[in-house]
Amino acid sequence: MLDLLPVLVAIAEQSPFKRRADGMYSFSAKMPTAQLIPFWRALMRVEAELLIEDAAAVRTTLEGLRTPKQREADAFSDLVGRVMKACPSPYDRA
């Protein structure tokens, strides 16, 4: 999980988050492909988990389901949270 940290740091350092008219945010960063591949794989796995959850929630209506863009944003947010949780805290040091 910590191998994803350089991508998140690059995003934070290189790209201000921009709010779009639809309420979503966008960003961009340039990195070597070798660093991006594990990040994209992890992001797709989290997005797949959310898609499975959404599919399980479909019963008689499609109301309230995430759009693909919302699911992508939720996956990114969840992935960031997982990476941060995996990072050692400086407060844990004795």
N, C-alpha and C. Protein backbone atom coordinates (compact mmCIF):
# COMPACT_ATOMS: atom_id res chain seq x y z
N MET A 1 0.83 -1.20 0.00
CA MET A 1 0.00 0.00 0.00
C MET A 1 0.87 1.26 0.00
N LEU A 2 2.00 1.19 0.69
CA LEU A 2 2.85 2.38 0.76
C LEU A 2 3.52 2.71 -0.57
N ASP A 3 3.55 1.75 -1.52
CA ASP A 3 4.12 2.05 -2.83
C ASP A 3 3.24 3.01 -3.62
N LEU A 4 2.02 3.24 -3.14
CA LEU A 4 1.12 4.19 -3.80
C LEU A 4 1.33 5.62 -3.31
N LEU A 5 2.04 5.77 -2.22
CA LEU A 5 2.25 7.08 -1.62
C LEU A 5 2.92 8.09 -2.56
N PRO A 6 3.95 7.71 -3.34
CA PRO A 6 4.57 8.69 -4.24
C PRO A 6 3.59 9.31 -5.24
N VAL A 7 2.62 8.54 -5.69
CA VAL A 7 1.62 9.07 -6.62
C VAL A 7 0.77 10.12 -5.92
N LEU A 8 0.34 9.82 -4.71
CA LEU A 8 -0.50 10.78 -3.98
C LEU A 8 0.27 12.04 -3.63
N VAL A 9 1.54 11.89 -3.29
CA VAL A 9 2.39 13.06 -3.02
C VAL A 9 2.53 13.90 -4.28
N ALA A 10 2.75 13.27 -5.42
CA ALA A 10 2.89 14.00 -6.69
C ALA A 10 1.61 14.76 -7.02
N ILE A 11 0.47 14.12 -6.80
CA ILE A 11 -0.80 14.80 -7.06
C ILE A 11 -0.92 16.03 -6.16
N ALA A 12 -0.59 15.86 -4.90
CA ALA A 12 -0.70 16.98 -3.95
C ALA A 12 0.27 18.11 -4.30
N GLU A 13 1.46 17.76 -4.75
CA GLU A 13 2.47 18.79 -5.03
C GLU A 13 2.30 19.44 -6.39
N GLN A 14 1.83 18.71 -7.38
CA GLN A 14 1.79 19.21 -8.75
C GLN A 14 0.47 19.81 -9.17
N SER A 15 -0.59 19.48 -8.51
CA SER A 15 -1.89 19.83 -9.05
C SER A 15 -2.83 20.38 -8.00
N PRO A 16 -3.24 21.63 -8.19
CA PRO A 16 -4.32 22.11 -7.32
C PRO A 16 -5.62 21.42 -7.73
N PHE A 17 -6.42 21.05 -6.77
CA PHE A 17 -7.71 20.45 -7.09
C PHE A 17 -8.61 21.56 -7.61
N LYS A 18 -9.26 21.31 -8.72
CA LYS A 18 -10.13 22.31 -9.35
C LYS A 18 -11.57 21.82 -9.29
N ARG A 19 -12.44 22.68 -8.77
CA ARG A 19 -13.86 22.33 -8.72
C ARG A 19 -14.49 22.61 -10.06
N ARG A 20 -15.19 21.61 -10.59
CA ARG A 20 -15.85 21.76 -11.88
C ARG A 20 -17.29 22.20 -11.69
N ALA A 21 -17.94 22.57 -12.77
CA ALA A 21 -19.32 23.05 -12.72
C ALA A 21 -20.28 21.97 -12.20
N ASP A 22 -19.95 20.71 -12.41
CA ASP A 22 -20.84 19.63 -11.96
C ASP A 22 -20.64 19.26 -10.49
N GLY A 23 -19.75 19.99 -9.80
CA GLY A 23 -19.51 19.74 -8.38
C GLY A 23 -18.38 18.77 -8.11
N MET A 24 -17.88 18.10 -9.14
CA MET A 24 -16.76 17.17 -8.99
C MET A 24 -15.46 17.98 -9.00
N TYR A 25 -14.38 17.34 -8.59
CA TYR A 25 -13.07 17.96 -8.60
C TYR A 25 -12.17 17.25 -9.59
N SER A 26 -11.23 17.98 -10.16
CA SER A 26 -10.27 17.36 -11.08
C SER A 26 -8.86 17.76 -10.68
N PHE A 27 -7.90 16.96 -11.12
CA PHE A 27 -6.49 17.21 -10.86
C PHE A 27 -5.69 16.48 -11.91
N SER A 28 -4.42 16.80 -12.01
CA SER A 28 -3.53 16.06 -12.90
C SER A 28 -2.12 16.14 -12.35
N ALA A 29 -1.34 15.12 -12.70
CA ALA A 29 0.06 15.08 -12.28
C ALA A 29 0.81 14.22 -13.28
N LYS A 30 2.08 14.51 -13.48
CA LYS A 30 2.92 13.74 -14.38
C LYS A 30 3.89 12.90 -13.56
N MET A 31 3.95 11.61 -13.92
CA MET A 31 4.82 10.67 -13.21
C MET A 31 5.29 9.60 -14.17
N PRO A 32 6.36 8.92 -13.81
CA PRO A 32 6.78 7.78 -14.63
C PRO A 32 5.72 6.67 -14.60
N THR A 33 5.52 6.04 -15.73
CA THR A 33 4.52 4.98 -15.85
C THR A 33 4.72 3.89 -14.81
N ALA A 34 5.96 3.55 -14.53
CA ALA A 34 6.23 2.47 -13.56
C ALA A 34 5.62 2.78 -12.19
N GLN A 35 5.56 4.05 -11.81
CA GLN A 35 4.96 4.41 -10.52
C GLN A 35 3.44 4.45 -10.62
N LEU A 36 2.92 4.76 -11.79
CA LEU A 36 1.47 4.88 -11.95
C LEU A 36 0.75 3.54 -12.02
N ILE A 37 1.41 2.52 -12.56
CA ILE A 37 0.74 1.24 -12.76
C ILE A 37 0.18 0.65 -11.46
N PRO A 38 0.95 0.57 -10.36
CA PRO A 38 0.37 0.03 -9.12
C PRO A 38 -0.79 0.89 -8.61
N PHE A 39 -0.68 2.21 -8.80
CA PHE A 39 -1.75 3.11 -8.37
C PHE A 39 -3.04 2.83 -9.15
N TRP A 40 -2.93 2.74 -10.47
CA TRP A 40 -4.13 2.50 -11.29
C TRP A 40 -4.74 1.15 -11.00
N ARG A 41 -3.88 0.14 -10.80
CA ARG A 41 -4.41 -1.19 -10.46
C ARG A 41 -5.19 -1.14 -9.16
N ALA A 42 -4.62 -0.48 -8.15
CA ALA A 42 -5.30 -0.37 -6.85
C ALA A 42 -6.59 0.42 -6.97
N LEU A 43 -6.56 1.50 -7.74
CA LEU A 43 -7.77 2.31 -7.93
C LEU A 43 -8.86 1.50 -8.62
N MET A 44 -8.50 0.72 -9.62
CA MET A 44 -9.49 -0.11 -10.32
C MET A 44 -10.06 -1.18 -9.39
N ARG A 45 -9.24 -1.72 -8.50
CA ARG A 45 -9.74 -2.74 -7.56
C ARG A 45 -10.76 -2.13 -6.60
N VAL A 46 -10.46 -0.94 -6.10
CA VAL A 46 -11.40 -0.28 -5.18
C VAL A 46 -12.68 0.07 -5.93
N GLU A 47 -12.53 0.57 -7.16
CA GLU A 47 -13.71 0.89 -7.96
C GLU A 47 -14.56 -0.36 -8.22
N ALA A 48 -13.90 -1.50 -8.44
CA ALA A 48 -14.62 -2.77 -8.64
C ALA A 48 -15.40 -3.15 -7.38
N GLU A 49 -14.80 -2.95 -6.21
CA GLU A 49 -15.50 -3.22 -4.95
C GLU A 49 -16.77 -2.39 -4.86
N LEU A 50 -16.65 -1.10 -5.22
CA LEU A 50 -17.81 -0.21 -5.16
C LEU A 50 -18.87 -0.60 -6.19
N LEU A 51 -18.43 -1.05 -7.36
CA LEU A 51 -19.37 -1.48 -8.38
C LEU A 51 -20.16 -2.71 -7.90
N ILE A 52 -19.47 -3.62 -7.24
CA ILE A 52 -20.15 -4.81 -6.69
C ILE A 52 -21.16 -4.38 -5.63
N GLU A 53 -20.78 -3.43 -4.77
CA GLU A 53 -21.72 -2.91 -3.77
C GLU A 53 -22.93 -2.28 -4.45
N ASP A 54 -22.69 -1.49 -5.50
CA ASP A 54 -23.79 -0.85 -6.21
C ASP A 54 -24.71 -1.89 -6.85
N ALA A 55 -24.11 -2.92 -7.44
CA ALA A 55 -24.91 -3.97 -8.07
C ALA A 55 -25.78 -4.68 -7.03
N ALA A 56 -25.23 -4.91 -5.86
CA ALA A 56 -25.99 -5.57 -4.79
C ALA A 56 -27.14 -4.69 -4.30
N ALA A 57 -26.98 -3.37 -4.44
CA ALA A 57 -28.00 -2.44 -3.95
C ALA A 57 -29.18 -2.32 -4.93
N VAL A 58 -29.01 -2.75 -6.17
CA VAL A 58 -30.08 -2.66 -7.17
C VAL A 58 -31.13 -3.72 -6.86
N ARG A 59 -32.32 -3.27 -6.61
CA ARG A 59 -33.42 -4.21 -6.36
C ARG A 59 -34.57 -3.89 -7.32
N THR A 60 -35.27 -2.83 -7.05
CA THR A 60 -36.42 -2.48 -7.90
C THR A 60 -36.28 -1.12 -8.57
N THR A 61 -35.24 -0.38 -8.20
CA THR A 61 -35.06 0.96 -8.77
C THR A 61 -33.58 1.27 -8.91
N LEU A 62 -33.27 2.17 -9.80
CA LEU A 62 -31.89 2.62 -9.97
C LEU A 62 -31.63 3.92 -9.21
N GLU A 63 -32.65 4.39 -8.54
CA GLU A 63 -32.55 5.65 -7.80
C GLU A 63 -31.48 5.57 -6.72
N GLY A 64 -30.67 6.60 -6.63
CA GLY A 64 -29.66 6.68 -5.59
C GLY A 64 -28.35 6.01 -5.93
N LEU A 65 -28.26 5.37 -7.10
CA LEU A 65 -26.99 4.75 -7.47
C LEU A 65 -25.99 5.81 -7.90
N ARG A 66 -24.73 5.50 -7.67
CA ARG A 66 -23.66 6.39 -8.11
C ARG A 66 -23.54 6.37 -9.63
N THR A 67 -23.15 7.50 -10.19
CA THR A 67 -22.77 7.51 -11.59
C THR A 67 -21.36 6.93 -11.68
N PRO A 68 -20.93 6.54 -12.88
CA PRO A 68 -19.55 6.06 -13.00
C PRO A 68 -18.52 7.08 -12.50
N LYS A 69 -18.74 8.35 -12.77
CA LYS A 69 -17.80 9.39 -12.30
C LYS A 69 -17.82 9.50 -10.78
N GLN A 70 -19.00 9.39 -10.18
CA GLN A 70 -19.09 9.42 -8.72
C GLN A 70 -18.38 8.21 -8.11
N ARG A 71 -18.55 7.05 -8.74
CA ARG A 71 -17.89 5.84 -8.24
C ARG A 71 -16.38 5.99 -8.35
N GLU A 72 -15.91 6.57 -9.45
CA GLU A 72 -14.48 6.80 -9.63
C GLU A 72 -13.95 7.74 -8.54
N ALA A 73 -14.68 8.81 -8.26
CA ALA A 73 -14.27 9.75 -7.22
C ALA A 73 -14.30 9.09 -5.84
N ASP A 74 -15.33 8.31 -5.58
CA ASP A 74 -15.43 7.61 -4.29
C ASP A 74 -14.29 6.60 -4.14
N ALA A 75 -13.93 5.94 -5.25
CA ALA A 75 -12.82 4.97 -5.20
C ALA A 75 -11.51 5.68 -4.89
N PHE A 76 -11.29 6.84 -5.51
CA PHE A 76 -10.07 7.60 -5.24
C PHE A 76 -10.02 8.02 -3.77
N SER A 77 -11.12 8.54 -3.27
CA SER A 77 -11.18 8.97 -1.87
C SER A 77 -10.94 7.80 -0.92
N ASP A 78 -11.55 6.66 -1.22
CA ASP A 78 -11.36 5.46 -0.39
C ASP A 78 -9.91 5.00 -0.45
N LEU A 79 -9.31 5.01 -1.64
CA LEU A 79 -7.93 4.58 -1.78
C LEU A 79 -6.99 5.49 -0.99
N VAL A 80 -7.21 6.80 -1.06
CA VAL A 80 -6.39 7.74 -0.29
C VAL A 80 -6.51 7.41 1.20
N GLY A 81 -7.72 7.15 1.66
CA GLY A 81 -7.92 6.80 3.07
C GLY A 81 -7.18 5.53 3.46
N ARG A 82 -7.20 4.54 2.58
CA ARG A 82 -6.50 3.28 2.87
C ARG A 82 -4.99 3.48 2.93
N VAL A 83 -4.47 4.28 2.00
CA VAL A 83 -3.02 4.54 2.00
C VAL A 83 -2.63 5.30 3.27
N MET A 84 -3.41 6.30 3.63
CA MET A 84 -3.10 7.08 4.83
C MET A 84 -3.17 6.20 6.08
N LYS A 85 -4.11 5.29 6.12
CA LYS A 85 -4.23 4.38 7.26
C LYS A 85 -3.02 3.45 7.36
N ALA A 86 -2.47 3.09 6.21
CA ALA A 86 -1.31 2.19 6.18
C ALA A 86 -0.01 2.90 6.53
N CYS A 87 0.01 4.23 6.44
CA CYS A 87 1.23 4.98 6.72
C CYS A 87 1.50 5.00 8.22
N PRO A 88 2.74 4.79 8.59
CA PRO A 88 3.06 4.90 10.02
C PRO A 88 2.89 6.34 10.48
N SER A 89 2.34 6.50 11.62
CA SER A 89 2.14 7.83 12.18
C SER A 89 3.38 8.26 12.98
N PRO A 90 3.80 9.52 12.84
CA PRO A 90 4.95 9.95 13.64
C PRO A 90 4.62 9.95 15.14
N TYR A 91 3.33 9.92 15.46
CA TYR A 91 2.92 9.91 16.87
C TYR A 91 3.01 8.52 17.47
N ASP A 92 3.15 7.49 16.61
CA ASP A 92 3.27 6.12 17.12
C ASP A 92 4.67 5.79 17.58
N ARG A 93 5.62 6.63 17.25
CA ARG A 93 7.01 6.36 17.62
C ARG A 93 7.22 6.53 19.11
N ALA A 94 7.96 5.63 19.67
CA ALA A 94 8.21 5.72 21.13
C ALA A 94 9.52 6.43 21.41
